[in-house]
All heavy atoms as atom14 arrays in JSON, in Angstrom:
{
  "sequence": "GRKREADAIAELPAGPRAGTSSSLVLRGEPGIGKTALLD",
  "atom14_mask": [
    [1, 1, 1, 1, 0, 0, 0, 0, 0, 0, 0, 0, 0, 0],
    [1, 1, 1, 1, 1, 1, 1, 1, 1, 1, 1, 0, 0, 0],
    [1, 1, 1, 1, 1, 1, 1, 1, 1, 0, 0, 0, 0, 0],
    [1, 1, 1, 1, 1, 1, 1, 1, 1, 1, 1, 0, 0, 0],
    [1, 1, 1, 1, 1, 1, 1, 1, 1, 0, 0, 0, 0, 0],
    [1, 1, 1, 1, 1, 0, 0, 0, 0, 0, 0, 0, 0, 0],
    [1, 1, 1, 1, 1, 1, 1, 1, 0, 0, 0, 0, 0, 0],
    [1, 1, 1, 1, 1, 0, 0, 0, 0, 0, 0, 0, 0, 0],
    [1, 1, 1, 1, 1, 1, 1, 1, 0, 0, 0, 0, 0, 0],
    [1, 1, 1, 1, 1, 0, 0, 0, 0, 0, 0, 0, 0, 0],
    [1, 1, 1, 1, 1, 1, 1, 1, 1, 0, 0, 0, 0, 0],
    [1, 1, 1, 1, 1, 1, 1, 1, 0, 0, 0, 0, 0, 0],
    [1, 1, 1, 1, 1, 1, 1, 0, 0, 0, 0, 0, 0, 0],
    [1, 1, 1, 1, 1, 0, 0, 0, 0, 0, 0, 0, 0, 0],
    [1, 1, 1, 1, 0, 0, 0, 0, 0, 0, 0, 0, 0, 0],
    [1, 1, 1, 1, 1, 1, 1, 0, 0, 0, 0, 0, 0, 0],
    [1, 1, 1, 1, 1, 1, 1, 1, 1, 1, 1, 0, 0, 0],
    [1, 1, 1, 1, 1, 0, 0, 0, 0, 0, 0, 0, 0, 0],
    [1, 1, 1, 1, 0, 0, 0, 0, 0, 0, 0, 0, 0, 0],
    [1, 1, 1, 1, 1, 1, 1, 0, 0, 0, 0, 0, 0, 0],
    [1, 1, 1, 1, 1, 1, 0, 0, 0, 0, 0, 0, 0, 0],
    [1, 1, 1, 1, 1, 1, 0, 0, 0, 0, 0, 0, 0, 0],
    [1, 1, 1, 1, 1, 1, 0, 0, 0, 0, 0, 0, 0, 0],
    [1, 1, 1, 1, 1, 1, 1, 1, 0, 0, 0, 0, 0, 0],
    [1, 1, 1, 1, 1, 1, 1, 0, 0, 0, 0, 0, 0, 0],
    [1, 1, 1, 1, 1, 1, 1, 1, 0, 0, 0, 0, 0, 0],
    [1, 1, 1, 1, 1, 1, 1, 1, 1, 1, 1, 0, 0, 0],
    [1, 1, 1, 1, 0, 0, 0, 0, 0, 0, 0, 0, 0, 0],
    [1, 1, 1, 1, 1, 1, 1, 1, 1, 0, 0, 0, 0, 0],
    [1, 1, 1, 1, 1, 1, 1, 0, 0, 0, 0, 0, 0, 0],
    [1, 1, 1, 1, 0, 0, 0, 0, 0, 0, 0, 0, 0, 0],
    [1, 1, 1, 1, 1, 1, 1, 1, 0, 0, 0, 0, 0, 0],
    [1, 1, 1, 1, 0, 0, 0, 0, 0, 0, 0, 0, 0, 0],
    [1, 1, 1, 1, 1, 1, 1, 1, 1, 0, 0, 0, 0, 0],
    [1, 1, 1, 1, 1, 1, 1, 0, 0, 0, 0, 0, 0, 0],
    [1, 1, 1, 1, 1, 0, 0, 0, 0, 0, 0, 0, 0, 0],
    [1, 1, 1, 1, 1, 1, 1, 1, 0, 0, 0, 0, 0, 0],
    [1, 1, 1, 1, 1, 1, 1, 1, 0, 0, 0, 0, 0, 0],
    [1, 1, 1, 1, 1, 1, 1, 1, 0, 0, 0, 0, 0, 0]
  ],
  "atom14_positions": [
    [[-10.76, -4.03, 8.32], [-9.97, -5.17, 8.74], [-8.54, -5.18, 8.23], [-7.86, -6.2, 8.31], [0.0, 0.0, 0.0], [0.0, 0.0, 0.0], [0.0, 0.0, 0.0], [0.0, 0.0, 0.0], [0.0, 0.0, 0.0], [0.0, 0.0, 0.0], [0.0, 0.0, 0.0], [0.0, 0.0, 0.0], [0.0, 0.0, 0.0], [0.0, 0.0, 0.0]],
    [[-8.06, -4.09, 7.68], [-6.71, -4.05, 7.09], [-5.88, -2.94, 7.7], [-5.12, -2.27, 7.03], [-6.8, -3.83, 5.58], [-7.54, -4.88, 4.77], [-7.23, -6.3, 5.06], [-6.2, -7.03, 4.41], [-6.04, -7.29, 3.14], [-6.8, -6.77, 2.24], [-5.08, -8.08, 2.73], [0.0, 0.0, 0.0], [0.0, 0.0, 0.0], [0.0, 0.0, 0.0]],
    [[-5.98, -2.71, 9.02], [-5.28, -1.61, 9.67], [-3.77, -1.68, 9.46], [-3.14, -0.68, 9.12], [-5.6, -1.56, 11.16], [-4.85, -0.43, 11.86], [-5.37, -0.18, 13.24], [-4.62, 0.91, 13.98], [-4.06, 1.98, 13.21], [0.0, 0.0, 0.0], [0.0, 0.0, 0.0], [0.0, 0.0, 0.0], [0.0, 0.0, 0.0], [0.0, 0.0, 0.0]],
    [[-3.18, -2.85, 9.67], [-1.73, -2.98, 9.53], [-1.28, -2.61, 8.12], [-0.34, -1.84, 7.93], [-1.3, -4.41, 9.86], [0.2, -4.64, 9.8], [0.57, -6.05, 10.26], [-0.13, -7.09, 9.54], [0.39, -7.75, 8.49], [1.6, -7.5, 8.09], [-0.31, -8.68, 7.89], [0.0, 0.0, 0.0], [0.0, 0.0, 0.0], [0.0, 0.0, 0.0]],
    [[-1.98, -3.13, 7.11], [-1.63, -2.84, 5.73], [-1.89, -1.36, 5.41], [-1.08, -0.71, 4.74], [-2.44, -3.71, 4.77], [-2.09, -5.19, 4.88], [-2.96, -5.94, 5.86], [-3.6, -5.33, 6.73], [-2.99, -7.19, 5.76], [0.0, 0.0, 0.0], [0.0, 0.0, 0.0], [0.0, 0.0, 0.0], [0.0, 0.0, 0.0], [0.0, 0.0, 0.0]],
    [[-3.02, -0.83, 5.88], [-3.36, 0.57, 5.61], [-2.34, 1.51, 6.25], [-1.95, 2.52, 5.65], [-4.77, 0.88, 6.12], [0.0, 0.0, 0.0], [0.0, 0.0, 0.0], [0.0, 0.0, 0.0], [0.0, 0.0, 0.0], [0.0, 0.0, 0.0], [0.0, 0.0, 0.0], [0.0, 0.0, 0.0], [0.0, 0.0, 0.0], [0.0, 0.0, 0.0]],
    [[-1.88, 1.18, 7.45], [-0.86, 2.01, 8.11], [0.44, 2.01, 7.32], [1.09, 3.04, 7.16], [-0.61, 1.53, 9.54], [-1.75, 1.85, 10.49], [-2.66, 2.63, 10.11], [-1.74, 1.31, 11.61], [0.0, 0.0, 0.0], [0.0, 0.0, 0.0], [0.0, 0.0, 0.0], [0.0, 0.0, 0.0], [0.0, 0.0, 0.0], [0.0, 0.0, 0.0]],
    [[0.83, 0.84, 6.81], [2.07, 0.75, 6.02], [1.93, 1.54, 4.73], [2.86, 2.25, 4.31], [2.39, -0.71, 5.72], [0.0, 0.0, 0.0], [0.0, 0.0, 0.0], [0.0, 0.0, 0.0], [0.0, 0.0, 0.0], [0.0, 0.0, 0.0], [0.0, 0.0, 0.0], [0.0, 0.0, 0.0], [0.0, 0.0, 0.0], [0.0, 0.0, 0.0]],
    [[0.77, 1.46, 4.09], [0.53, 2.2, 2.85], [0.55, 3.7, 3.11], [1.08, 4.47, 2.31], [-0.8, 1.76, 2.22], [-0.64, 0.36, 1.62], [-1.27, 2.74, 1.17], [-1.94, -0.29, 1.19], [0.0, 0.0, 0.0], [0.0, 0.0, 0.0], [0.0, 0.0, 0.0], [0.0, 0.0, 0.0], [0.0, 0.0, 0.0], [0.0, 0.0, 0.0]],
    [[0.02, 4.12, 4.24], [-0.02, 5.55, 4.57], [1.39, 6.15, 4.68], [1.58, 7.34, 4.44], [-0.79, 5.77, 5.86], [0.0, 0.0, 0.0], [0.0, 0.0, 0.0], [0.0, 0.0, 0.0], [0.0, 0.0, 0.0], [0.0, 0.0, 0.0], [0.0, 0.0, 0.0], [0.0, 0.0, 0.0], [0.0, 0.0, 0.0], [0.0, 0.0, 0.0]],
    [[2.37, 5.32, 5.0], [3.75, 5.79, 5.12], [4.48, 5.86, 3.79], [5.52, 6.53, 3.69], [4.53, 4.87, 6.06], [4.02, 4.89, 7.49], [4.73, 3.89, 8.39], [5.78, 3.37, 7.98], [4.22, 3.63, 9.48], [0.0, 0.0, 0.0], [0.0, 0.0, 0.0], [0.0, 0.0, 0.0], [0.0, 0.0, 0.0], [0.0, 0.0, 0.0]],
    [[3.98, 5.2, 2.75], [4.68, 5.14, 1.47], [4.97, 6.5, 0.83], [6.06, 6.69, 0.29], [3.92, 4.25, 0.48], [3.95, 2.76, 0.78], [3.09, 2.02, -0.23], [5.36, 2.23, 0.75], [0.0, 0.0, 0.0], [0.0, 0.0, 0.0], [0.0, 0.0, 0.0], [0.0, 0.0, 0.0], [0.0, 0.0, 0.0], [0.0, 0.0, 0.0]],
    [[4.05, 7.46, 0.83], [4.34, 8.74, 0.16], [5.5, 9.53, 0.77], [6.05, 10.41, 0.11], [3.03, 9.52, 0.29], [1.98, 8.47, 0.44], [2.64, 7.38, 1.24], [0.0, 0.0, 0.0], [0.0, 0.0, 0.0], [0.0, 0.0, 0.0], [0.0, 0.0, 0.0], [0.0, 0.0, 0.0], [0.0, 0.0, 0.0], [0.0, 0.0, 0.0]],
    [[5.9, 9.23, 1.98], [6.99, 9.98, 2.61], [8.3, 9.82, 1.83], [9.06, 10.78, 1.68], [7.18, 9.52, 4.05], [0.0, 0.0, 0.0], [0.0, 0.0, 0.0], [0.0, 0.0, 0.0], [0.0, 0.0, 0.0], [0.0, 0.0, 0.0], [0.0, 0.0, 0.0], [0.0, 0.0, 0.0], [0.0, 0.0, 0.0], [0.0, 0.0, 0.0]],
    [[8.57, 8.64, 1.31], [9.8, 8.4, 0.56], [9.9, 9.27, -0.69], [10.85, 10.04, -0.85], [0.0, 0.0, 0.0], [0.0, 0.0, 0.0], [0.0, 0.0, 0.0], [0.0, 0.0, 0.0], [0.0, 0.0, 0.0], [0.0, 0.0, 0.0], [0.0, 0.0, 0.0], [0.0, 0.0, 0.0], [0.0, 0.0, 0.0], [0.0, 0.0, 0.0]],
    [[8.93, 9.18, -1.6], [8.99, 10.01, -2.8], [8.97, 11.52, -2.49], [9.62, 12.29, -3.17], [7.74, 9.59, -3.58], [7.47, 8.2, -3.14], [7.88, 8.17, -1.69], [0.0, 0.0, 0.0], [0.0, 0.0, 0.0], [0.0, 0.0, 0.0], [0.0, 0.0, 0.0], [0.0, 0.0, 0.0], [0.0, 0.0, 0.0], [0.0, 0.0, 0.0]],
    [[8.27, 11.92, -1.47], [8.27, 13.35, -1.11], [9.66, 13.79, -0.67], [10.03, 14.94, -0.8], [7.24, 13.63, -0.04], [5.81, 13.49, -0.54], [4.8, 14.09, 0.42], [3.45, 13.72, 0.07], [2.74, 14.24, -0.92], [3.28, 15.15, -1.7], [1.51, 13.85, -1.16], [0.0, 0.0, 0.0], [0.0, 0.0, 0.0], [0.0, 0.0, 0.0]],
    [[10.47, 12.84, -0.17], [11.83, 13.14, 0.25], [12.84, 12.88, -0.87], [14.03, 12.98, -0.66], [12.19, 12.31, 1.49], [0.0, 0.0, 0.0], [0.0, 0.0, 0.0], [0.0, 0.0, 0.0], [0.0, 0.0, 0.0], [0.0, 0.0, 0.0], [0.0, 0.0, 0.0], [0.0, 0.0, 0.0], [0.0, 0.0, 0.0], [0.0, 0.0, 0.0]],
    [[12.35, 12.48, -2.05], [13.23, 12.26, -3.19], [13.62, 10.82, -3.45], [14.48, 10.55, -4.27], [0.0, 0.0, 0.0], [0.0, 0.0, 0.0], [0.0, 0.0, 0.0], [0.0, 0.0, 0.0], [0.0, 0.0, 0.0], [0.0, 0.0, 0.0], [0.0, 0.0, 0.0], [0.0, 0.0, 0.0], [0.0, 0.0, 0.0], [0.0, 0.0, 0.0]],
    [[13.01, 9.88, -2.76], [13.3, 8.46, -2.95], [12.11, 7.79, -3.65], [10.98, 7.95, -3.2], [13.52, 7.77, -1.59], [14.5, 8.49, -0.86], [13.96, 6.35, -1.76], [0.0, 0.0, 0.0], [0.0, 0.0, 0.0], [0.0, 0.0, 0.0], [0.0, 0.0, 0.0], [0.0, 0.0, 0.0], [0.0, 0.0, 0.0], [0.0, 0.0, 0.0]],
    [[12.37, 7.07, -4.71], [11.26, 6.41, -5.41], [10.76, 5.21, -4.62], [11.45, 4.68, -3.76], [11.69, 5.98, -6.81], [12.69, 5.0, -6.73], [0.0, 0.0, 0.0], [0.0, 0.0, 0.0], [0.0, 0.0, 0.0], [0.0, 0.0, 0.0], [0.0, 0.0, 0.0], [0.0, 0.0, 0.0], [0.0, 0.0, 0.0], [0.0, 0.0, 0.0]],
    [[9.56, 4.77, -4.94], [9.0, 3.59, -4.29], [7.96, 2.95, -5.19], [7.53, 3.54, -6.18], [8.38, 3.94, -2.93], [7.23, 4.71, -3.1], [0.0, 0.0, 0.0], [0.0, 0.0, 0.0], [0.0, 0.0, 0.0], [0.0, 0.0, 0.0], [0.0, 0.0, 0.0], [0.0, 0.0, 0.0], [0.0, 0.0, 0.0], [0.0, 0.0, 0.0]],
    [[7.59, 1.74, -4.83], [6.52, 1.05, -5.55], [5.75, 0.18, -4.56], [6.23, -0.1, -3.47], [7.1, 0.18, -6.67], [7.95, -0.8, -6.15], [0.0, 0.0, 0.0], [0.0, 0.0, 0.0], [0.0, 0.0, 0.0], [0.0, 0.0, 0.0], [0.0, 0.0, 0.0], [0.0, 0.0, 0.0], [0.0, 0.0, 0.0], [0.0, 0.0, 0.0]],
    [[4.57, -0.2, -4.96], [3.72, -1.04, -4.14], [3.21, -2.17, -5.02], [2.66, -1.93, -6.09], [2.54, -0.24, -3.59], [1.45, -1.02, -2.86], [2.0, -1.64, -1.58], [0.27, -0.11, -2.55], [0.0, 0.0, 0.0], [0.0, 0.0, 0.0], [0.0, 0.0, 0.0], [0.0, 0.0, 0.0], [0.0, 0.0, 0.0], [0.0, 0.0, 0.0]],
    [[3.44, -3.39, -4.6], [2.96, -4.56, -5.31], [2.12, -5.36, -4.33], [2.56, -5.66, -3.23], [4.12, -5.44, -5.83], [3.6, -6.7, -6.5], [5.0, -4.64, -6.79], [0.0, 0.0, 0.0], [0.0, 0.0, 0.0], [0.0, 0.0, 0.0], [0.0, 0.0, 0.0], [0.0, 0.0, 0.0], [0.0, 0.0, 0.0], [0.0, 0.0, 0.0]],
    [[0.9, -5.67, -4.74], [0.01, -6.48, -3.9], [-0.25, -7.79, -4.63], [-0.49, -7.8, -5.82], [-1.32, -5.76, -3.67], [-1.24, -4.42, -2.96], [-2.63, -3.79, -2.91], [-0.69, -4.58, -1.57], [0.0, 0.0, 0.0], [0.0, 0.0, 0.0], [0.0, 0.0, 0.0], [0.0, 0.0, 0.0], [0.0, 0.0, 0.0], [0.0, 0.0, 0.0]],
    [[-0.21, -8.87, -3.87], [-0.56, -10.15, -4.46], [-1.4, -10.93, -3.46], [-1.3, -10.74, -2.26], [0.67, -10.94, -4.9], [1.58, -11.39, -3.78], [2.74, -12.18, -4.32], [2.48, -13.58, -4.06], [3.4, -14.5, -3.99], [4.65, -14.19, -4.21], [3.1, -15.75, -3.73], [0.0, 0.0, 0.0], [0.0, 0.0, 0.0], [0.0, 0.0, 0.0]],
    [[-2.24, -11.8, -4.0], [-3.09, -12.6, -3.15], [-4.25, -13.18, -3.93], [-4.44, -12.87, -5.1], [0.0, 0.0, 0.0], [0.0, 0.0, 0.0], [0.0, 0.0, 0.0], [0.0, 0.0, 0.0], [0.0, 0.0, 0.0], [0.0, 0.0, 0.0], [0.0, 0.0, 0.0], [0.0, 0.0, 0.0], [0.0, 0.0, 0.0], [0.0, 0.0, 0.0]],
    [[-5.0, -14.0, -3.26], [-6.15, -14.65, -3.88], [-7.22, -13.63, -4.25], [-7.31, -12.57, -3.63], [-6.74, -15.68, -2.91], [-5.8, -16.81, -2.56], [-5.43, -17.65, -3.77], [-6.3, -17.94, -4.6], [-4.23, -18.01, -3.88], [0.0, 0.0, 0.0], [0.0, 0.0, 0.0], [0.0, 0.0, 0.0], [0.0, 0.0, 0.0], [0.0, 0.0, 0.0]],
    [[-8.06, -13.95, -5.24], [-9.16, -13.06, -5.6], [-10.09, -12.82, -4.41], [-10.36, -13.74, -3.63], [-9.89, -13.82, -6.71], [-8.88, -14.77, -7.27], [-8.0, -15.14, -6.1], [0.0, 0.0, 0.0], [0.0, 0.0, 0.0], [0.0, 0.0, 0.0], [0.0, 0.0, 0.0], [0.0, 0.0, 0.0], [0.0, 0.0, 0.0], [0.0, 0.0, 0.0]],
    [[-10.54, -11.61, -4.27], [-11.55, -11.28, -3.26], [-11.02, -10.95, -1.88], [-11.81, -10.8, -0.95], [0.0, 0.0, 0.0], [0.0, 0.0, 0.0], [0.0, 0.0, 0.0], [0.0, 0.0, 0.0], [0.0, 0.0, 0.0], [0.0, 0.0, 0.0], [0.0, 0.0, 0.0], [0.0, 0.0, 0.0], [0.0, 0.0, 0.0], [0.0, 0.0, 0.0]],
    [[-9.7, -10.82, -1.7], [-9.17, -10.55, -0.36], [-9.01, -9.06, -0.06], [-8.57, -8.7, 1.02], [-7.84, -11.28, -0.09], [-6.74, -10.78, -1.02], [-8.02, -12.78, -0.19], [-5.36, -11.23, -0.59], [0.0, 0.0, 0.0], [0.0, 0.0, 0.0], [0.0, 0.0, 0.0], [0.0, 0.0, 0.0], [0.0, 0.0, 0.0], [0.0, 0.0, 0.0]],
    [[-9.32, -8.19, -1.03], [-9.28, -6.76, -0.77], [-8.11, -6.01, -1.37], [-7.78, -4.91, -0.94], [0.0, 0.0, 0.0], [0.0, 0.0, 0.0], [0.0, 0.0, 0.0], [0.0, 0.0, 0.0], [0.0, 0.0, 0.0], [0.0, 0.0, 0.0], [0.0, 0.0, 0.0], [0.0, 0.0, 0.0], [0.0, 0.0, 0.0], [0.0, 0.0, 0.0]],
    [[-7.47, -6.58, -2.39], [-6.33, -5.9, -3.01], [-6.76, -4.58, -3.64], [-6.06, -3.57, -3.5], [-5.67, -6.8, -4.06], [-5.03, -8.05, -3.48], [-4.4, -8.92, -4.54], [-5.34, -9.4, -5.59], [-6.37, -10.35, -5.16], [0.0, 0.0, 0.0], [0.0, 0.0, 0.0], [0.0, 0.0, 0.0], [0.0, 0.0, 0.0], [0.0, 0.0, 0.0]],
    [[-7.88, -4.56, -4.31], [-8.36, -3.33, -4.96], [-8.66, -2.26, -3.92], [-8.33, -1.09, -4.11], [-9.59, -3.61, -5.83], [-9.21, -4.56, -6.84], [-10.1, -2.34, -6.49], [0.0, 0.0, 0.0], [0.0, 0.0, 0.0], [0.0, 0.0, 0.0], [0.0, 0.0, 0.0], [0.0, 0.0, 0.0], [0.0, 0.0, 0.0], [0.0, 0.0, 0.0]],
    [[-9.26, -2.64, -2.8], [-9.52, -1.66, -1.73], [-8.22, -1.08, -1.19], [-8.13, 0.13, -0.92], [-10.32, -2.31, -0.6], [0.0, 0.0, 0.0], [0.0, 0.0, 0.0], [0.0, 0.0, 0.0], [0.0, 0.0, 0.0], [0.0, 0.0, 0.0], [0.0, 0.0, 0.0], [0.0, 0.0, 0.0], [0.0, 0.0, 0.0], [0.0, 0.0, 0.0]],
    [[-7.19, -1.91, -1.06], [-5.9, -1.4, -0.6], [-5.27, -0.48, -1.64], [-4.65, 0.54, -1.29], [-4.95, -2.56, -0.28], [-5.27, -3.32, 1.0], [-4.42, -4.58, 1.1], [-5.06, -2.44, 2.23], [0.0, 0.0, 0.0], [0.0, 0.0, 0.0], [0.0, 0.0, 0.0], [0.0, 0.0, 0.0], [0.0, 0.0, 0.0], [0.0, 0.0, 0.0]],
    [[-5.42, -0.81, -2.92], [-4.91, 0.08, -3.97], [-5.65, 1.41, -3.98], [-5.05, 2.47, -4.17], [-5.0, -0.59, -5.34], [-4.02, -1.71, -5.58], [-4.32, -2.42, -6.9], [-2.59, -1.19, -5.59], [0.0, 0.0, 0.0], [0.0, 0.0, 0.0], [0.0, 0.0, 0.0], [0.0, 0.0, 0.0], [0.0, 0.0, 0.0], [0.0, 0.0, 0.0]],
    [[-6.96, 1.38, -3.78], [-7.73, 2.62, -3.68], [-7.24, 3.46, -2.51], [-7.12, 4.68, -2.6], [-9.23, 2.33, -3.54], [-9.85, 1.76, -4.8], [-9.23, 1.89, -5.88], [-10.94, 1.17, -4.69], [0.0, 0.0, 0.0], [0.0, 0.0, 0.0], [0.0, 0.0, 0.0], [0.0, 0.0, 0.0], [0.0, 0.0, 0.0], [0.0, 0.0, 0.0]]
  ]
}
């Protein structure tokens, strides 16, 4: 149920591989799947 978020996360490694740093911060209520997105 997190296709949009998963697609955005899948694009994140492209920046650092090209020499640009990046970070990912997730926030939200407990139990909404933040840990699954981090995995």
